Protein backbone atom coordinates (compact mmCIF):
# COMPACT_ATOMS: atom_id res chain seq x y z
CA MET A 1 64.75 75.64 -42.74
CA LEU A 2 61.16 76.34 -43.51
CA LEU A 3 58.26 74.52 -42.09
CA LEU A 4 54.43 74.73 -41.80
CA LYS A 5 53.30 74.68 -38.19
CA LYS A 6 49.84 74.39 -36.93
CA ILE A 7 48.62 77.01 -34.60
CA ASN A 8 49.40 75.94 -30.98
CA TYR A 9 49.69 77.21 -27.38
CA GLU A 10 53.57 76.47 -27.08
CA ASP A 11 54.45 79.26 -29.38
CA ILE A 12 51.86 81.87 -28.51
CA ASP A 13 54.53 84.69 -27.90
CA LYS A 14 55.74 84.49 -31.41
CA GLU A 15 52.22 83.62 -33.13
CA TYR A 16 50.71 86.71 -31.45
CA GLU A 17 53.69 88.91 -32.69
CA ALA A 18 53.09 87.62 -36.10
CA ILE A 19 49.47 87.98 -36.35
CA ILE A 20 49.08 91.59 -34.99
CA LYS A 21 51.52 92.49 -37.83
CA ILE A 22 49.39 91.25 -40.56
CA PRO A 23 47.11 94.18 -41.94
CA HIS A 24 43.27 93.57 -41.58
CA ASN A 25 42.81 93.09 -45.24
CA GLU A 26 45.58 93.16 -47.68
CA ASN A 27 45.04 91.72 -51.25
CA GLY A 28 42.25 89.71 -50.44
CA PHE A 29 43.84 88.02 -47.34
CA GLU A 30 41.49 88.64 -44.29
CA ASN A 31 42.96 89.04 -40.72
CA LYS A 32 40.21 89.26 -38.21
CA TYR A 33 42.73 89.39 -35.20
CA TYR A 34 44.99 92.09 -36.16
CA ASN A 35 43.97 94.16 -33.13
CA VAL A 36 43.29 91.41 -30.49
CA SER A 37 45.03 91.70 -27.22
CA LYS A 38 47.41 88.84 -26.25
CA GLU A 39 45.07 87.83 -23.51
CA GLU A 40 42.01 87.57 -25.81
CA PHE A 41 44.40 85.69 -28.56
CA LYS A 42 45.44 83.19 -25.87
CA GLU A 43 42.04 82.72 -24.01
CA GLU A 44 39.60 83.08 -26.87
CA ILE A 45 41.21 83.06 -30.44
CA ILE A 46 43.46 79.99 -30.23
CA PRO A 47 40.59 77.64 -28.61
CA LYS A 48 38.42 78.89 -31.27
CA LEU A 49 40.68 78.51 -34.26
CA LEU A 50 41.60 74.95 -32.93
CA LYS A 51 37.77 73.81 -32.76
CA ASN A 52 37.32 75.36 -36.33
CA SER A 53 40.00 73.16 -37.55
CA GLU A 54 38.03 70.01 -36.17
CA GLY A 55 34.66 71.50 -37.52
CA ILE A 56 33.37 72.32 -34.01
CA ASP A 57 31.07 75.23 -33.31
CA LEU A 58 31.44 76.61 -36.85
CA PRO A 59 29.14 79.69 -37.39
CA GLU A 60 26.35 79.10 -40.27
CA GLY A 61 27.93 79.28 -43.71
CA TYR A 62 31.52 78.52 -42.64
CA VAL A 63 33.71 75.56 -43.40
CA PRO A 64 36.41 74.16 -41.13
CA ASP A 65 39.81 75.72 -41.78
CA THR A 66 43.27 75.09 -40.08
CA TYR A 67 45.85 78.13 -39.43
CA PHE A 68 49.35 77.21 -40.36
CA PHE A 69 52.29 79.72 -39.36
CA LEU A 70 55.29 79.50 -41.72
CA TRP A 71 58.49 79.25 -39.84
CA ASN A 72 62.05 80.11 -41.00
CA ASN A 73 64.17 78.27 -38.37
CA GLN A 74 63.03 80.20 -35.18
CA GLU A 75 61.14 83.13 -36.73
CA ILE A 76 57.51 83.33 -38.14
CA VAL A 77 57.60 84.80 -41.82
CA GLY A 78 53.89 84.11 -43.01
CA LEU A 79 50.40 82.55 -42.36
CA PHE A 80 48.64 80.15 -44.43
CA LYS A 81 45.08 79.22 -43.78
CA ILE A 82 43.68 75.94 -45.29
CA ARG A 83 40.23 75.28 -45.64
CA HIS A 84 39.21 71.55 -45.61
CA TYR A 85 36.58 71.93 -48.20
CA LEU A 86 34.40 74.58 -50.07
CA ASN A 87 31.25 76.06 -50.43
CA GLU A 88 29.78 77.97 -53.41
CA PHE A 89 30.99 81.37 -52.15
CA LEU A 90 34.53 79.88 -51.65
CA LYS A 91 34.39 78.11 -55.06
CA LYS A 92 33.95 81.51 -56.69
CA GLY A 93 36.68 83.57 -54.99
CA PRO A 94 38.64 82.64 -51.71
CA GLY A 95 39.22 79.02 -52.56
CA HIS A 96 40.92 76.56 -50.37
CA ILE A 97 44.10 78.44 -49.20
CA GLY A 98 44.68 82.04 -48.22
CA TYR A 99 48.18 83.07 -47.39
CA THR A 100 50.33 86.01 -46.57
CA ILE A 101 54.00 86.66 -45.94
CA LEU A 102 54.87 89.40 -43.21
CA GLU A 103 56.10 92.55 -44.84
CA ASN A 104 59.66 92.58 -43.50
CA TYR A 105 60.27 89.00 -45.22
CA ARG A 106 58.82 89.50 -48.66
CA GLY A 107 61.15 89.16 -51.58
CA ASN A 108 63.00 86.11 -50.12
CA GLY A 109 60.83 83.35 -51.98
CA PHE A 110 58.99 82.36 -48.76
CA ALA A 111 55.62 82.71 -50.60
CA THR A 112 56.55 80.05 -53.06
CA GLU A 113 58.33 77.62 -50.75
CA GLY A 114 55.38 78.19 -48.19
CA LEU A 115 52.74 77.50 -50.87
CA LYS A 116 54.51 73.98 -51.85
CA LEU A 117 54.43 73.18 -48.13
CA ALA A 118 50.83 74.08 -47.95
CA ILE A 119 50.00 71.99 -50.96
CA GLU A 120 51.53 68.97 -49.01
CA GLU A 121 49.26 69.67 -46.17
CA CYS A 122 46.27 69.87 -48.65
CA LYS A 123 47.07 66.48 -49.88
CA LYS A 124 46.38 65.25 -46.33
CA ILE A 125 43.53 67.38 -45.52
CA ILE A 126 41.58 67.80 -48.85
CA LYS A 127 39.32 64.97 -50.47
CA GLU A 128 39.00 66.42 -53.95
CA ASP A 129 41.60 66.09 -56.73
CA GLU A 130 42.21 70.02 -57.12
CA ILE A 131 42.58 72.94 -54.74
CA TYR A 132 41.25 76.20 -55.63
CA LEU A 133 43.00 79.61 -55.19
CA SER A 134 42.55 83.22 -56.17
CA SER A 135 44.75 86.22 -56.59
CA HIS A 136 43.81 89.94 -56.56
CA LYS A 137 44.54 91.44 -60.11
CA ASN A 138 46.60 94.30 -58.34
CA ASN A 139 48.83 91.60 -56.76
CA PRO A 140 50.66 89.85 -59.63
CA LEU A 141 53.19 88.51 -57.59
CA SER A 142 50.87 86.19 -56.04
CA LEU A 143 49.52 84.81 -59.33
CA LYS A 144 53.28 84.36 -59.97
CA VAL A 145 53.78 82.35 -57.14
CA GLN A 146 50.81 80.18 -57.95
CA ILE A 147 51.75 79.34 -61.19
CA LYS A 148 55.23 78.41 -60.17
CA CYS A 149 53.60 76.07 -57.88
CA GLY A 150 51.77 74.05 -60.56
CA ALA A 151 48.51 76.41 -60.98
CA TYR A 152 46.72 76.90 -63.96
CA LEU A 153 44.56 79.80 -64.75
CA TYR A 154 40.93 78.86 -64.42
CA GLY A 155 38.85 81.97 -64.83
CA GLU A 156 38.60 85.38 -63.70
CA ASN A 157 36.18 87.92 -62.35
CA GLU A 158 36.38 91.88 -62.06
CA ASN A 159 38.98 91.86 -59.25
CA GLU A 160 40.46 88.34 -59.16
CA TYR A 161 42.21 85.67 -61.11
CA LEU A 162 41.02 82.24 -60.25
CA THR A 163 43.51 79.29 -60.28
CA ARG A 164 43.48 75.59 -59.40
CA ILE A 165 46.31 73.30 -58.61
CA LYS A 166 45.90 69.45 -59.11
CA LEU A 167 46.89 67.71 -56.17
CA ARG A 168 47.84 64.55 -58.27
CA ASN A 169 49.97 66.09 -60.98
CA ASP A 170 51.98 62.74 -61.92
CA LYS A 171 53.42 64.48 -64.88
CA ASN A 172 54.39 67.58 -63.02
CA LEU A 173 52.88 69.63 -65.80
CA LYS A 174 53.42 73.40 -65.38
CA PHE A 175 52.76 76.81 -67.14
CA GLY A 176 55.89 78.66 -67.72
CA ILE A 177 56.22 82.66 -66.82
CA ARG A 178 58.45 85.05 -68.40
CA ASP A 179 58.67 88.59 -67.76
CA LEU A 180 59.79 91.49 -70.12
CA LYS A 181 63.17 92.27 -68.27
CA ARG A 182 64.05 88.68 -68.48
CA ASN A 183 64.51 88.68 -64.47
CA ASP A 184 63.16 85.01 -64.72
CA TRP A 185 66.25 83.82 -66.79
CA LYS A 186 69.15 82.95 -64.44
CA ARG A 187 71.37 82.14 -67.50
CA LEU A 188 72.01 86.01 -67.90
CA LYS A 189 74.62 87.28 -65.63
CA ASN A 190 74.95 90.76 -66.93
CA LYS A 191 72.41 92.50 -69.32
CA THR A 192 71.38 95.91 -70.74
CA ILE A 193 67.76 96.70 -71.37
CA LYS A 194 65.89 99.28 -73.03
CA ILE A 195 61.98 99.51 -72.94
CA GLU A 196 59.65 101.59 -74.62
CA ASN A 197 55.89 102.02 -74.86
CA ILE A 198 54.88 101.03 -78.51
CA GLU A 199 51.67 101.62 -80.32
CA ASN A 200 50.58 101.18 -84.07
CA LYS A 201 47.86 99.95 -86.05
CA TYR A 202 48.97 96.12 -85.42
CA PHE A 203 49.23 96.24 -81.53
CA LYS A 204 49.80 98.20 -78.32
CA GLY A 205 52.18 97.36 -75.63
CA LYS A 206 55.92 97.60 -75.07
CA ILE A 207 59.23 96.91 -76.86
CA CYS A 208 62.54 95.92 -75.33
CA LEU A 209 65.77 95.63 -76.55
CA LEU A 210 67.69 93.25 -74.51
CA THR A 211 71.68 92.79 -74.90
CA MET A 212 73.12 89.61 -73.20
CA ASN A 213 76.37 91.08 -72.00
CA GLU A 214 77.22 88.19 -70.36
CA VAL A 215 75.68 84.60 -70.12
CA GLU A 216 76.44 81.81 -67.75
CA ALA A 217 76.90 79.48 -70.82
CA PRO A 218 75.80 79.55 -74.32
CA LEU A 219 72.10 78.05 -75.01
CA LYS A 220 71.58 75.77 -78.00
CA VAL A 221 68.05 74.66 -78.89
CA ASP A 222 66.19 72.81 -81.23
CA SER A 223 64.90 74.82 -84.31
CA PRO A 224 63.08 73.95 -87.41
CA VAL A 225 66.40 74.15 -89.28
CA GLY A 226 68.37 72.17 -86.68
CA ILE A 227 70.52 73.09 -83.45
CA VAL A 228 70.93 76.84 -83.29
CA THR A 229 72.51 79.07 -80.49
CA ILE A 230 70.09 81.60 -79.24
CA ALA A 231 72.14 82.92 -76.06
CA ASP A 232 75.53 83.84 -75.74
CA ASN A 233 77.88 86.87 -74.91
CA ASN A 234 76.79 90.08 -76.84
CA TYR A 235 73.65 88.31 -78.40
CA LYS A 236 70.44 90.57 -78.45
CA ASN A 237 66.74 90.10 -78.25
CA ILE A 238 64.09 92.43 -79.57
CA ILE A 239 61.23 91.60 -77.44
CA ILE A 240 57.54 92.78 -78.31
CA ALA A 241 54.85 92.30 -75.72
CA PRO A 242 51.25 93.39 -76.48
CA GLU A 243 48.58 94.10 -74.03
CA ASN A 244 45.52 92.76 -75.52
CA ASP A 245 46.78 89.86 -77.38
CA ASN A 246 47.63 86.27 -76.51
CA TRP A 247 51.25 86.34 -78.16
CA TRP A 248 54.59 87.40 -77.16
CA LEU A 249 57.43 87.78 -79.57
CA THR A 250 61.35 87.45 -79.06
CA VAL A 251 63.44 88.32 -82.07
CA MET A 252 66.91 86.80 -81.53
CA PHE A 253 70.09 88.41 -82.88
CA ASP A 254 73.74 86.89 -82.57
CA ASN A 255 76.86 88.98 -81.53
CA ASN A 256 77.26 90.32 -85.05
CA ASN A 257 73.67 91.34 -85.24
CA ASN A 258 72.58 88.66 -87.57
CA LEU A 259 68.88 87.55 -87.25
CA ILE A 260 68.72 83.96 -85.91
CA GLU A 261 64.94 83.72 -85.71
CA SER A 262 61.63 85.16 -84.39
CA TYR A 263 59.89 83.31 -81.84
CA PHE A 264 56.28 83.71 -81.09
CA ASP A 265 54.96 82.22 -77.77
CA ILE A 266 51.38 81.70 -77.61
CA THR A 267 50.04 82.90 -74.31
CA ARG A 268 47.31 82.16 -71.77
CA LEU A 269 47.68 85.76 -70.14
CA ASN A 270 49.83 88.81 -70.67
CA ASN A 271 49.76 90.64 -67.38
CA PHE A 272 50.50 94.58 -67.54
CA TYR A 273 49.66 95.32 -63.91
CA ASP A 274 53.37 95.94 -63.46
CA LYS A 275 53.70 98.77 -66.41
CA GLU A 276 57.62 98.46 -66.00
CA ASN A 277 57.82 94.87 -66.23
CA PRO A 278 54.86 93.01 -67.63
CA PHE A 279 54.91 89.17 -67.93
CA PHE A 280 52.93 86.19 -69.69
CA ILE A 281 51.79 82.89 -68.87
CA ASP A 282 52.86 80.44 -71.21
CA MET A 283 50.48 78.32 -73.38
CA LYS A 284 53.01 75.86 -74.55
CA LEU A 285 52.34 76.29 -78.34
CA ASP A 286 54.78 78.48 -80.21
CA VAL A 287 55.59 79.63 -83.77
CA CYS A 288 59.18 79.86 -84.85
CA ILE A 289 60.39 81.50 -87.99
CA PRO A 290 63.97 80.91 -88.56
CA TYR A 291 65.33 83.73 -91.00
CA LYS A 292 64.63 83.23 -94.40
CA HIS A 293 62.52 80.17 -93.67
CA GLU A 294 58.97 79.36 -93.46
CA PRO A 295 56.97 79.51 -90.16
CA SER A 296 56.57 76.35 -88.11
CA ILE A 297 54.25 75.73 -85.38
CA MET A 298 56.15 74.04 -82.27
CA ASP A 299 55.52 72.13 -79.29
CA GLU A 300 51.96 70.75 -80.15
CA GLU A 301 52.25 67.86 -78.35
CA ASP A 302 52.91 70.10 -75.18
CA LEU A 303 49.52 71.99 -75.71
CA LYS A 304 47.71 68.38 -76.40
CA GLU A 305 49.18 67.16 -72.97
CA LEU A 306 47.65 70.12 -71.13
CA LEU A 307 44.35 69.43 -72.72
CA GLU A 308 44.28 65.69 -72.04
CA ASN A 309 45.21 66.36 -68.44
CA GLY A 310 42.60 69.03 -67.73
CA PHE A 311 44.76 72.03 -67.50
CA ILE A 312 43.21 73.86 -70.41
CA THR A 313 39.60 73.41 -72.14
CA ASN A 314 38.84 72.63 -75.72
CA ASP A 315 38.20 76.41 -76.28
CA ASP A 316 41.42 77.21 -75.13
CA PHE A 317 43.04 74.67 -77.17
CA ASN A 318 41.41 75.97 -80.25
CA LYS A 319 42.11 79.76 -79.33
CA ALA A 320 45.89 78.73 -79.29
CA TYR A 321 45.71 77.24 -82.63
CA ASP A 322 43.72 80.00 -83.96
CA THR A 323 46.40 82.62 -82.61
CA ALA A 324 49.03 80.58 -84.10
CA ASN A 325 47.62 80.46 -87.45
CA LYS A 326 46.66 84.19 -87.59
CA ILE A 327 50.33 84.91 -86.51
CA ILE A 328 51.44 82.85 -89.67
CA GLN A 329 48.86 84.43 -91.95
CA PHE A 330 49.83 87.92 -91.01
CA TYR A 331 53.57 87.17 -91.46
CA ASN A 332 53.22 85.73 -94.67
CA ALA A 333 51.13 88.78 -95.84
CA ASN A 334 53.35 91.24 -94.47
CA LYS A 335 56.96 90.09 -94.44
CA ASN A 336 58.72 92.94 -95.92
CA LYS A 337 56.93 95.29 -93.49
CA TYR A 338 57.97 92.95 -90.64
CA TYR A 339 61.53 92.83 -91.49
CA ASN A 340 61.91 96.48 -92.32
CA PHE A 341 60.36 97.41 -88.59
CA ILE A 342 62.72 94.73 -87.03
CA PHE A 343 65.87 95.73 -88.84
CA SER A 344 65.04 99.66 -88.39
CA TYR A 345 64.31 99.32 -84.86
CA LEU A 346 67.77 97.48 -84.17
CA LYS A 347 69.74 99.88 -86.15
CA ASP A 348 67.91 102.90 -84.31
CA ASN A 349 69.13 101.49 -81.02
CA LYS A 350 72.48 100.17 -81.45
């Protein structure tokens, strides 16, 4: 069982073993105590951190913070620092929560589950309605973790993405994430993928042919032309991921290579730090083009809901519609070229 436990004297042996394994500075998480002795940790560091948690003897410019170790049963797997409020410096970068997972325990979902627990602790500690976070751009996994836990992308600087999480998200609004290899799609039991770089006068990025060798169950969805099946055994997707645009295209085929529809996700961000498997953050708005039918803008109410609840700005809202309308205009002006490209690529990659 996972739990967050405030730093204490009773668990000093395991706390000390954990804290000296955390690097001095890794992806923005600073550990000042990576090289302290056990005696110093017990006699100086723990008393200091417990006082800091109460706002006692804080150095100038510092705010109260509490150290929580993340425990998985009897082992410490991570460390979370929660700042009780923010000064101007913290608002522009580090935010309310800093966290790290010990290297030996990464890849097991501990960051996501630990952050969920930290958010619950924030509800007890923080008076504001939102918590601020950040993630280094060279650490896209951290951004994914935050989005999964309800964060929205607020801004960015040269080195970091800045996110926020609403502590009172009664409607449980979240942004979706999808990666190029569809590792996020648990429905796929067995798949074949082929990924290539692509660059032409229209976009630069990646193109992927995904073959669904086996799916857990067929997937039927609402479409402008009614209910359609978009996933089943031996169905295919051509996925186009542009680097510097705010859309992501999935072209869907059945098991006989019949085109079902083209689906443009309007995106908040296309992240290409992992060149082999980029991902996008969904903006909710979509453009669906069933084969031999006209394009339709979909999920408009979802986009409005994001705006009404403060997850996006008016500029974000208008940009999403602008992107959708440009896609439709381009498609209407280039239908033949579009389908020639799609069918030629499928034929060349049988």
